[in-house]
Protein backbone atom coordinates (compact mmCIF):
# COMPACT_ATOMS: atom_id res chain seq x y z
CA UNK A 1 27.48 6.50 36.89
CA UNK A 2 30.14 4.02 35.80
CA UNK A 3 31.47 4.40 32.36
CA UNK A 4 32.30 1.40 30.21
CA UNK A 5 35.72 1.36 28.58
CA UNK A 6 35.85 2.46 24.97
CA UNK A 7 36.85 -0.58 22.90
CA UNK A 8 36.33 1.10 19.53
CA UNK A 9 33.52 -1.29 18.56
CA UNK A 10 30.53 0.71 19.63
CA UNK A 11 27.23 -0.59 20.97
CA UNK A 12 26.43 -4.26 20.36
CA UNK A 13 22.89 -5.46 19.76
CA UNK A 14 22.01 -9.01 20.73
CA UNK A 15 19.27 -10.91 18.93
CA UNK A 16 18.00 -14.45 19.27
CA UNK A 17 19.86 -17.06 17.28
CA UNK A 18 17.85 -19.21 14.92
CA UNK A 19 18.26 -22.92 15.28
CA UNK A 20 21.33 -24.26 13.53
CA UNK A 21 20.74 -26.24 10.37
CA UNK A 22 21.00 -30.00 10.78
CA UNK A 23 24.22 -31.46 9.55
CA UNK A 24 24.09 -34.73 7.73
CA UNK A 25 27.01 -37.12 8.03
CA UNK A 26 29.36 -37.43 5.08
CA UNK A 27 29.58 -40.64 3.13
CA UNK A 28 32.79 -41.49 5.00
CA UNK A 29 31.11 -41.17 8.40
CA UNK A 30 27.76 -42.73 7.48
CA UNK A 31 26.57 -45.48 9.70
CA UNK A 32 26.28 -49.00 8.24
CA UNK A 33 22.84 -50.43 7.57
CA UNK A 34 21.14 -52.19 10.49
CA UNK A 35 21.67 -55.94 10.72
CA UNK A 36 18.24 -57.54 11.16
CA UNK A 37 18.92 -61.20 10.49
CA UNK A 38 21.18 -64.01 9.35
CA UNK A 39 19.98 -66.64 6.90
CA UNK A 40 21.72 -70.01 6.78
CA UNK A 41 21.64 -72.46 3.89
CA UNK A 42 23.22 -75.91 3.89
CA UNK A 43 25.27 -76.48 0.76
CA UNK A 44 27.56 -79.29 -0.44
CA UNK A 45 30.46 -77.03 0.69
CA UNK A 46 29.05 -76.40 4.16
CA UNK A 47 26.88 -73.63 5.56
CA UNK A 48 26.40 -70.49 3.54
CA UNK A 49 25.45 -67.50 5.63
CA UNK A 50 23.67 -64.44 4.28
CA UNK A 51 23.35 -61.23 6.31
CA UNK A 52 20.04 -59.39 6.11
CA UNK A 53 20.18 -55.59 6.45
CA UNK A 54 17.61 -52.78 6.74
CA UNK A 55 18.71 -49.53 5.16
CA UNK A 56 17.77 -46.08 6.41
CA UNK A 57 15.34 -45.91 3.44
CA UNK A 58 13.54 -49.02 4.71
CA UNK A 59 14.94 -51.25 1.98
CA UNK A 60 16.05 -54.82 2.74
CA UNK A 61 19.47 -55.94 1.51
CA UNK A 62 20.82 -59.52 1.48
CA UNK A 63 24.58 -60.01 1.21
CA UNK A 64 27.18 -62.70 1.68
CA UNK A 65 30.86 -62.34 2.43
CA UNK A 66 32.65 -60.26 -0.22
CA UNK A 67 29.58 -58.35 -1.41
CA UNK A 68 28.80 -54.70 -0.74
CA UNK A 69 25.84 -53.07 1.10
CA UNK A 70 24.81 -49.61 2.12
CA UNK A 71 24.86 -48.11 -1.34
CA UNK A 72 28.28 -49.62 -2.02
CA UNK A 73 29.84 -47.95 1.04
CA UNK A 74 30.52 -51.16 2.95
CA UNK A 75 31.90 -54.59 2.05
CA UNK A 76 30.93 -57.68 4.01
CA UNK A 77 34.13 -59.09 5.52
CA UNK A 78 32.54 -61.97 7.43
CA UNK A 79 29.09 -63.32 8.34
CA UNK A 80 28.84 -65.39 11.51
CA UNK A 81 25.97 -67.19 13.20
CA UNK A 82 25.05 -64.04 15.18
CA UNK A 83 26.58 -61.10 13.34
CA UNK A 84 28.52 -59.56 10.50
CA UNK A 85 31.73 -57.60 10.02
CA UNK A 86 31.63 -54.71 7.55
CA UNK A 87 34.48 -52.61 6.14
CA UNK A 88 33.89 -48.98 5.15
CA UNK A 89 35.35 -48.84 1.65
CA UNK A 90 36.37 -45.17 1.90
CA UNK A 91 37.90 -45.10 5.37
CA UNK A 92 38.79 -48.74 6.04
CA UNK A 93 36.96 -48.55 9.39
CA UNK A 94 35.58 -51.85 10.59
CA UNK A 95 32.01 -52.20 11.94
CA UNK A 96 31.16 -55.33 13.92
CA UNK A 97 27.38 -55.79 13.96
CA UNK A 98 25.54 -58.33 16.06
CA UNK A 99 21.96 -59.45 16.29
CA UNK A 100 20.21 -58.17 19.38
């Protein structure tokens, strides 16, 4: 009978591992709200575009350039005819969202 080398640890018992707890993203890594529409209004100064977002909580947010969304985590940098550019206020990361 073959003898296992003595590593000084002794016998090891294996048991099943429970599933790992889910890890929620930090505020810095949180995804921006989903862009669901662009509203356009004609004004004396030209077209004013408003981005329409759906949050993860199912809330609808309306925001124009310069305003914040996503619980204050993102600032709207630009709203175009088919998308919006958001800046993460903690990391400076840029998210370019487009309508699908």
